[in-house]
Every structure is written in structure tokens, then in C-alpha cells.
Amino acid sequence: MLDLISSVKPNNLTTMLSAGAKNMALTKYLVGQVMLSKEQRMEELREFVPNAKSEDWDIVVAGQRVQVIKDTDAGKGTLQFGTEVVSAEDGSIAALLGASPGGASTAVSVMLNVMERCFPEHIKEWEPKIREMIPSYGVSLLDDPKLIEDIHIRTSETLQLEREF
């Protein structure tokens, strides 16, 4: 319950206050969501499940969202959306921070980023296997329409999808 308060330090106070002020609508929304009573949450749920009964539902804290806030060229307290890989210079440790660190839409890209940062001495050795699994690895698809078509065909065949091209 005190994670936010204990994370505020003299060197990040301005950054955090700037992020809150720049994103006042989001801040108010998130604080409002945290303050909802069980019945208010049930009313929100009933927009999607009209016959939901309060006695059938329990509130369970499933986890907490972490948002990256940092100072950038755009100014102090810039919210970073998406996932960011943070690693030690020597690659000995890496962490995934942000909106969707474990999400399916980012998992492959994030893992490749971790491998490139933490194991730069091995990436050339691993590249043939990576390219076998991910033919577009290291290639701009904007510059290679044939590769896009090949990937689309391979994916459709693997997933047994009908193609419309």
C-alpha cells in the first residue's frame, strides 16, 4: 500500500509531479478507479455482464501496473507507453518495465532486445537460428515486400488459414 509513497525520492519528485500534472485526466481516472466501492465496481461490470450479482463476485488484487516515467527531450515527467528494457551496462541483469511487459504482442520483440543487450557477444552466433524462427529478424519489411509475402504464406500454412491473395 505504501509502494508509491516509498518510491518518491528527492531526485525524482519533480519528474513524478510533472507526469501527474501533464496527465491530470489520466491521474484523476486512475485515482477514481482505485476509490470505487465494490458496488460501484459491480455497476461497471454490469455494463458488460448485465445480470452480474454482487454476491457471486469477489474483488481480488491481481497485480499492480507499473508505468515508466522519465525525463526526455520532450520534458520532465514524460510517460512512456509500451515496454522498455532496462539493463545493466555489462548485461548481467535486465528488467522489463511498462505497459505490457509480458504481453503477447511484445514478448518476442522484448526478448530479442534482452538478448541483444545482455548477450551481444553471442548474437552473431545465434543469428542463423533466430532467422530460421523469425525470417524478418534484422530486416526492414518496408524494404522487402517479397519477404512480407513469404512470411504471410508461411504463417498461413502453419496456422492452416485460408489465404486471400
C-alpha atoms as a PDB file:
ATOM      1  CA  MET A   1       0.000   0.000   0.000  1.00  0.00           C
ATOM      2  CA  LEU A   2       2.939   2.316   0.516  1.00  0.00           C
ATOM      3  CA  ASP A   3       4.862   1.446  -2.671  1.00  0.00           C
ATOM      4  CA  LEU A   4       4.090   4.759  -4.379  1.00  0.00           C
ATOM      5  CA  ILE A   5       4.960   6.855  -1.332  1.00  0.00           C
ATOM      6  CA  SER A   6       8.182   4.927  -0.666  1.00  0.00           C
ATOM      7  CA  SER A   7       9.226   5.279  -4.326  1.00  0.00           C
ATOM      8  CA  VAL A   8       9.230   9.094  -4.140  1.00  0.00           C
ATOM      9  CA  LYS A   9      12.757  10.367  -3.592  1.00  0.00           C
ATOM     10  CA  PRO A  10      14.259  13.866  -3.743  1.00  0.00           C
ATOM     11  CA  ASN A  11      15.816  13.110  -7.158  1.00  0.00           C
ATOM     12  CA  ASN A  12      12.513  12.005  -8.765  1.00  0.00           C
ATOM     13  CA  LEU A  13       9.926  14.194  -7.064  1.00  0.00           C
ATOM     14  CA  THR A  14       9.861  16.840  -9.824  1.00  0.00           C
ATOM     15  CA  THR A  15       9.646  14.175 -12.539  1.00  0.00           C
ATOM     16  CA  MET A  16       6.742  12.414 -10.812  1.00  0.00           C
ATOM     17  CA  LEU A  17       4.837  15.635 -10.111  1.00  0.00           C
ATOM     18  CA  SER A  18       5.340  16.730 -13.731  1.00  0.00           C
ATOM     19  CA  ALA A  19       3.967  13.417 -15.019  1.00  0.00           C
ATOM     20  CA  GLY A  20       0.908  13.764 -12.796  1.00  0.00           C
ATOM     21  CA  ALA A  21       0.286  17.360 -13.828  1.00  0.00           C
ATOM     22  CA  LYS A  22       0.768  16.686 -17.562  1.00  0.00           C
ATOM     23  CA  ASN A  23      -1.613  13.739 -17.382  1.00  0.00           C
ATOM     24  CA  MET A  24      -4.216  15.121 -14.997  1.00  0.00           C
ATOM     25  CA  ALA A  25      -7.156  13.412 -16.750  1.00  0.00           C
ATOM     26  CA  LEU A  26      -5.419  10.021 -16.539  1.00  0.00           C
ATOM     27  CA  THR A  27      -4.379  10.671 -12.939  1.00  0.00           C
ATOM     28  CA  LYS A  28      -7.961  11.554 -11.930  1.00  0.00           C
ATOM     29  CA  TYR A  29      -9.329   8.495 -13.760  1.00  0.00           C
ATOM     30  CA  LEU A  30      -6.858   6.095 -12.092  1.00  0.00           C
ATOM     31  CA  VAL A  31      -7.404   7.556  -8.618  1.00  0.00           C
ATOM     32  CA  GLY A  32     -11.160   7.346  -9.218  1.00  0.00           C
ATOM     33  CA  GLN A  33     -10.888   3.676 -10.196  1.00  0.00           C
ATOM     34  CA  VAL A  34      -8.933   2.856  -7.040  1.00  0.00           C
ATOM     35  CA  MET A  35     -11.546   4.626  -4.913  1.00  0.00           C
ATOM     36  CA  LEU A  36     -14.560   2.733  -6.310  1.00  0.00           C
ATOM     37  CA  SER A  37     -16.605   0.740  -3.825  1.00  0.00           C
ATOM     38  CA  LYS A  38     -17.460  -2.891  -4.564  1.00  0.00           C
ATOM     39  CA  GLU A  39     -20.952  -1.911  -5.676  1.00  0.00           C
ATOM     40  CA  GLN A  40     -19.609   0.796  -7.976  1.00  0.00           C
ATOM     41  CA  ARG A  41     -17.260  -1.779  -9.496  1.00  0.00           C
ATOM     42  CA  MET A  42     -20.222  -4.123  -9.931  1.00  0.00           C
ATOM     43  CA  GLU A  43     -22.126  -1.390 -11.785  1.00  0.00           C
ATOM     44  CA  GLU A  44     -19.173  -1.034 -14.162  1.00  0.00           C
ATOM     45  CA  LEU A  45     -19.083  -4.823 -14.610  1.00  0.00           C
ATOM     46  CA  ARG A  46     -22.809  -4.874 -15.376  1.00  0.00           C
ATOM     47  CA  GLU A  47     -22.135  -2.806 -18.489  1.00  0.00           C
ATOM     48  CA  PHE A  48     -20.568  -5.998 -19.860  1.00  0.00           C
ATOM     49  CA  VAL A  49     -22.354  -8.666 -17.778  1.00  0.00           C
ATOM     50  CA  PRO A  50     -25.839  -7.221 -17.180  1.00  0.00           C
ATOM     51  CA  ASN A  51     -27.043  -9.958 -14.806  1.00  0.00           C
ATOM     52  CA  ALA A  52     -23.906  -9.994 -12.595  1.00  0.00           C
ATOM     53  CA  LYS A  53     -24.805 -10.429  -8.909  1.00  0.00           C
ATOM     54  CA  SER A  54     -22.582  -8.862  -6.248  1.00  0.00           C
ATOM     55  CA  GLU A  55     -22.693 -11.991  -4.082  1.00  0.00           C
ATOM     56  CA  ASP A  56     -21.223 -14.057  -6.947  1.00  0.00           C
ATOM     57  CA  TRP A  57     -18.125 -11.855  -7.289  1.00  0.00           C
ATOM     58  CA  ASP A  58     -15.098 -11.232  -5.085  1.00  0.00           C
ATOM     59  CA  ILE A  59     -12.591  -8.426  -5.516  1.00  0.00           C
ATOM     60  CA  VAL A  60      -9.104  -9.844  -5.855  1.00  0.00           C
ATOM     61  CA  VAL A  61      -5.980  -7.759  -6.326  1.00  0.00           C
ATOM     62  CA  ALA A  62      -4.363  -9.374  -9.346  1.00  0.00           C
ATOM     63  CA  GLY A  63      -1.314  -7.168  -9.544  1.00  0.00           C
ATOM     64  CA  GLN A  64      -0.211  -3.625  -9.933  1.00  0.00           C
ATOM     65  CA  ARG A  65       0.582  -1.784 -13.109  1.00  0.00           C
ATOM     66  CA  VAL A  66       3.930  -0.069 -13.384  1.00  0.00           C
ATOM     67  CA  GLN A  67       4.327   2.888 -15.702  1.00  0.00           C
ATOM     68  CA  VAL A  68       7.715   4.188 -16.792  1.00  0.00           C
ATOM     69  CA  ILE A  69       8.088   7.920 -16.133  1.00  0.00           C
ATOM     70  CA  LYS A  70      11.275   9.661 -17.135  1.00  0.00           C
ATOM     71  CA  ASP A  71      12.754  12.922 -18.243  1.00  0.00           C
ATOM     72  CA  THR A  72      13.207  13.111 -22.023  1.00  0.00           C
ATOM     73  CA  ASP A  73      13.837  15.740 -24.677  1.00  0.00           C
ATOM     74  CA  ALA A  74      10.042  16.283 -24.581  1.00  0.00           C
ATOM     75  CA  GLY A  75      10.372  17.476 -20.984  1.00  0.00           C
ATOM     76  CA  LYS A  76      10.260  16.328 -17.394  1.00  0.00           C
ATOM     77  CA  GLY A  77       7.862  13.611 -16.326  1.00  0.00           C
ATOM     78  CA  THR A  78       7.155  12.008 -19.700  1.00  0.00           C
ATOM     79  CA  LEU A  79       5.018   8.865 -19.519  1.00  0.00           C
ATOM     80  CA  GLN A  80       6.460   6.027 -21.566  1.00  0.00           C
ATOM     81  CA  PHE A  81       3.851   3.777 -23.144  1.00  0.00           C
ATOM     82  CA  GLY A  82       4.807   0.308 -24.263  1.00  0.00           C
ATOM     83  CA  THR A  83       7.569  -1.810 -22.852  1.00  0.00           C
ATOM     84  CA  GLU A  84      11.076  -0.723 -22.062  1.00  0.00           C
ATOM     85  CA  VAL A  85      14.057  -2.963 -21.433  1.00  0.00           C
ATOM     86  CA  VAL A  86      16.340  -1.641 -18.710  1.00  0.00           C
ATOM     87  CA  SER A  87      19.645  -3.446 -18.308  1.00  0.00           C
ATOM     88  CA  ALA A  88      22.989  -3.128 -16.583  1.00  0.00           C
ATOM     89  CA  GLU A  89      25.787  -1.921 -18.860  1.00  0.00           C
ATOM     90  CA  ASP A  90      27.501  -5.293 -18.588  1.00  0.00           C
ATOM     91  CA  GLY A  91      24.268  -7.170 -19.424  1.00  0.00           C
ATOM     92  CA  SER A  92      24.317  -9.043 -16.112  1.00  0.00           C
ATOM     93  CA  ILE A  93      20.698  -8.165 -15.322  1.00  0.00           C
ATOM     94  CA  ALA A  94      17.718  -6.872 -17.266  1.00  0.00           C
ATOM     95  CA  ALA A  95      14.204  -5.841 -16.334  1.00  0.00           C
ATOM     96  CA  LEU A  96      11.096  -5.248 -18.397  1.00  0.00           C
ATOM     97  CA  LEU A  97       9.072  -2.205 -17.406  1.00  0.00           C
ATOM     98  CA  GLY A  98       5.964  -0.610 -18.749  1.00  0.00           C
ATOM     99  CA  ALA A  99       2.509  -1.119 -20.036  1.00  0.00           C
ATOM    100  CA  SER A 100       2.750  -4.651 -21.348  1.00  0.00           C
ATOM    101  CA  PRO A 101       5.993  -6.307 -20.312  1.00  0.00           C
ATOM    102  CA  GLY A 102       4.594  -9.827 -20.591  1.00  0.00           C
ATOM    103  CA  GLY A 103       2.062  -9.210 -23.297  1.00  0.00           C
ATOM    104  CA  ALA A 104       1.903 -11.492 -26.305  1.00  0.00           C
ATOM    105  CA  SER A 105       2.148  -8.545 -28.670  1.00  0.00           C
ATOM    106  CA  THR A 106       5.541  -7.542 -27.296  1.00  0.00           C
ATOM    107  CA  ALA A 107       7.065 -10.766 -25.944  1.00  0.00           C
ATOM    108  CA  VAL A 108       9.217 -11.697 -28.962  1.00  0.00           C
ATOM    109  CA  SER A 109      10.455  -8.184 -29.618  1.00  0.00           C
ATOM    110  CA  VAL A 110      11.264  -7.639 -25.955  1.00  0.00           C
ATOM    111  CA  MET A 111      13.107 -10.956 -25.631  1.00  0.00           C
ATOM    112  CA  LEU A 112      15.186 -10.190 -28.728  1.00  0.00           C
ATOM    113  CA  ASN A 113      16.030  -6.813 -27.213  1.00  0.00           C
ATOM    114  CA  VAL A 114      17.124  -8.500 -23.961  1.00  0.00           C
ATOM    115  CA  MET A 115      19.273 -11.000 -25.887  1.00  0.00           C
ATOM    116  CA  GLU A 116      20.921  -8.245 -27.926  1.00  0.00           C
ATOM    117  CA  ARG A 117      21.666  -6.146 -24.827  1.00  0.00           C
ATOM    118  CA  CYS A 118      22.690  -8.874 -22.419  1.00  0.00           C
ATOM    119  CA  PHE A 119      24.466 -11.262 -24.787  1.00  0.00           C
ATOM    120  CA  PRO A 120      25.992  -9.089 -27.535  1.00  0.00           C
ATOM    121  CA  GLU A 121      28.963 -11.442 -27.804  1.00  0.00           C
ATOM    122  CA  HIS A 122      26.651 -14.347 -28.790  1.00  0.00           C
ATOM    123  CA  ILE A 123      24.090 -12.656 -31.028  1.00  0.00           C
ATOM    124  CA  LYS A 124      26.040 -13.245 -34.280  1.00  0.00           C
ATOM    125  CA  GLU A 125      26.437 -16.912 -33.363  1.00  0.00           C
ATOM    126  CA  TRP A 126      22.702 -17.201 -32.626  1.00  0.00           C
ATOM    127  CA  GLU A 127      21.564 -15.185 -35.650  1.00  0.00           C
ATOM    128  CA  PRO A 128      21.093 -18.147 -38.057  1.00  0.00           C
ATOM    129  CA  LYS A 129      18.744 -19.889 -35.602  1.00  0.00           C
ATOM    130  CA  ILE A 130      16.921 -16.634 -34.863  1.00  0.00           C
ATOM    131  CA  ARG A 131      16.454 -16.025 -38.623  1.00  0.00           C
ATOM    132  CA  GLU A 132      15.151 -19.574 -39.020  1.00  0.00           C
ATOM    133  CA  MET A 133      12.493 -18.842 -36.407  1.00  0.00           C
ATOM    134  CA  ILE A 134      11.966 -15.188 -37.364  1.00  0.00           C
ATOM    135  CA  PRO A 135      12.785 -14.681 -41.063  1.00  0.00           C
ATOM    136  CA  SER A 136      12.330 -10.914 -40.763  1.00  0.00           C
ATOM    137  CA  TYR A 137      14.893 -10.564 -37.957  1.00  0.00           C
ATOM    138  CA  GLY A 138      17.102  -7.559 -38.679  1.00  0.00           C
ATOM    139  CA  VAL A 139      15.324  -6.751 -41.950  1.00  0.00           C
ATOM    140  CA  SER A 140      13.135  -3.756 -42.699  1.00  0.00           C
ATOM    141  CA  LEU A 141       9.884  -5.165 -44.069  1.00  0.00           C
ATOM    142  CA  LEU A 142       9.239  -1.791 -45.667  1.00  0.00           C
ATOM    143  CA  ASP A 143      12.171  -2.525 -47.967  1.00  0.00           C
ATOM    144  CA  ASP A 144      11.272  -6.151 -48.730  1.00  0.00           C
ATOM    145  CA  PRO A 145       7.670  -6.738 -49.903  1.00  0.00           C
ATOM    146  CA  LYS A 146       8.613 -10.242 -51.112  1.00  0.00           C
ATOM    147  CA  LEU A 147       9.664 -11.209 -47.593  1.00  0.00           C
ATOM    148  CA  ILE A 148       6.324  -9.946 -46.266  1.00  0.00           C
ATOM    149  CA  GLU A 149       4.516 -12.164 -48.762  1.00  0.00           C
ATOM    150  CA  ASP A 150       6.711 -15.174 -47.895  1.00  0.00           C
ATOM    151  CA  ILE A 151       6.081 -14.688 -44.167  1.00  0.00           C
ATOM    152  CA  HIS A 152       2.358 -14.335 -44.771  1.00  0.00           C
ATOM    153  CA  ILE A 153       2.308 -17.583 -46.781  1.00  0.00           C
ATOM    154  CA  ARG A 154       4.391 -19.459 -44.195  1.00  0.00           C
ATOM    155  CA  THR A 155       2.237 -18.208 -41.321  1.00  0.00           C
ATOM    156  CA  SER A 156      -0.994 -19.075 -43.134  1.00  0.00           C
ATOM    157  CA  GLU A 157       0.259 -22.577 -43.877  1.00  0.00           C
ATOM    158  CA  THR A 158       1.498 -23.135 -40.327  1.00  0.00           C
ATOM    159  CA  LEU A 159      -1.790 -21.947 -38.833  1.00  0.00           C
ATOM    160  CA  GLN A 160      -3.788 -23.675 -41.574  1.00  0.00           C
ATOM    161  CA  LEU A 161      -5.502 -20.454 -42.585  1.00  0.00           C
ATOM    162  CA  GLU A 162      -7.060 -19.748 -45.947  1.00  0.00           C
ATOM    163  CA  ARG A 163      -5.169 -17.106 -47.884  1.00  0.00           C
ATOM    164  CA  GLU A 164      -6.860 -14.395 -49.909  1.00  0.00           C
ATOM    165  CA  PHE A 165      -4.038 -13.306 -52.210  1.00  0.00           C
END
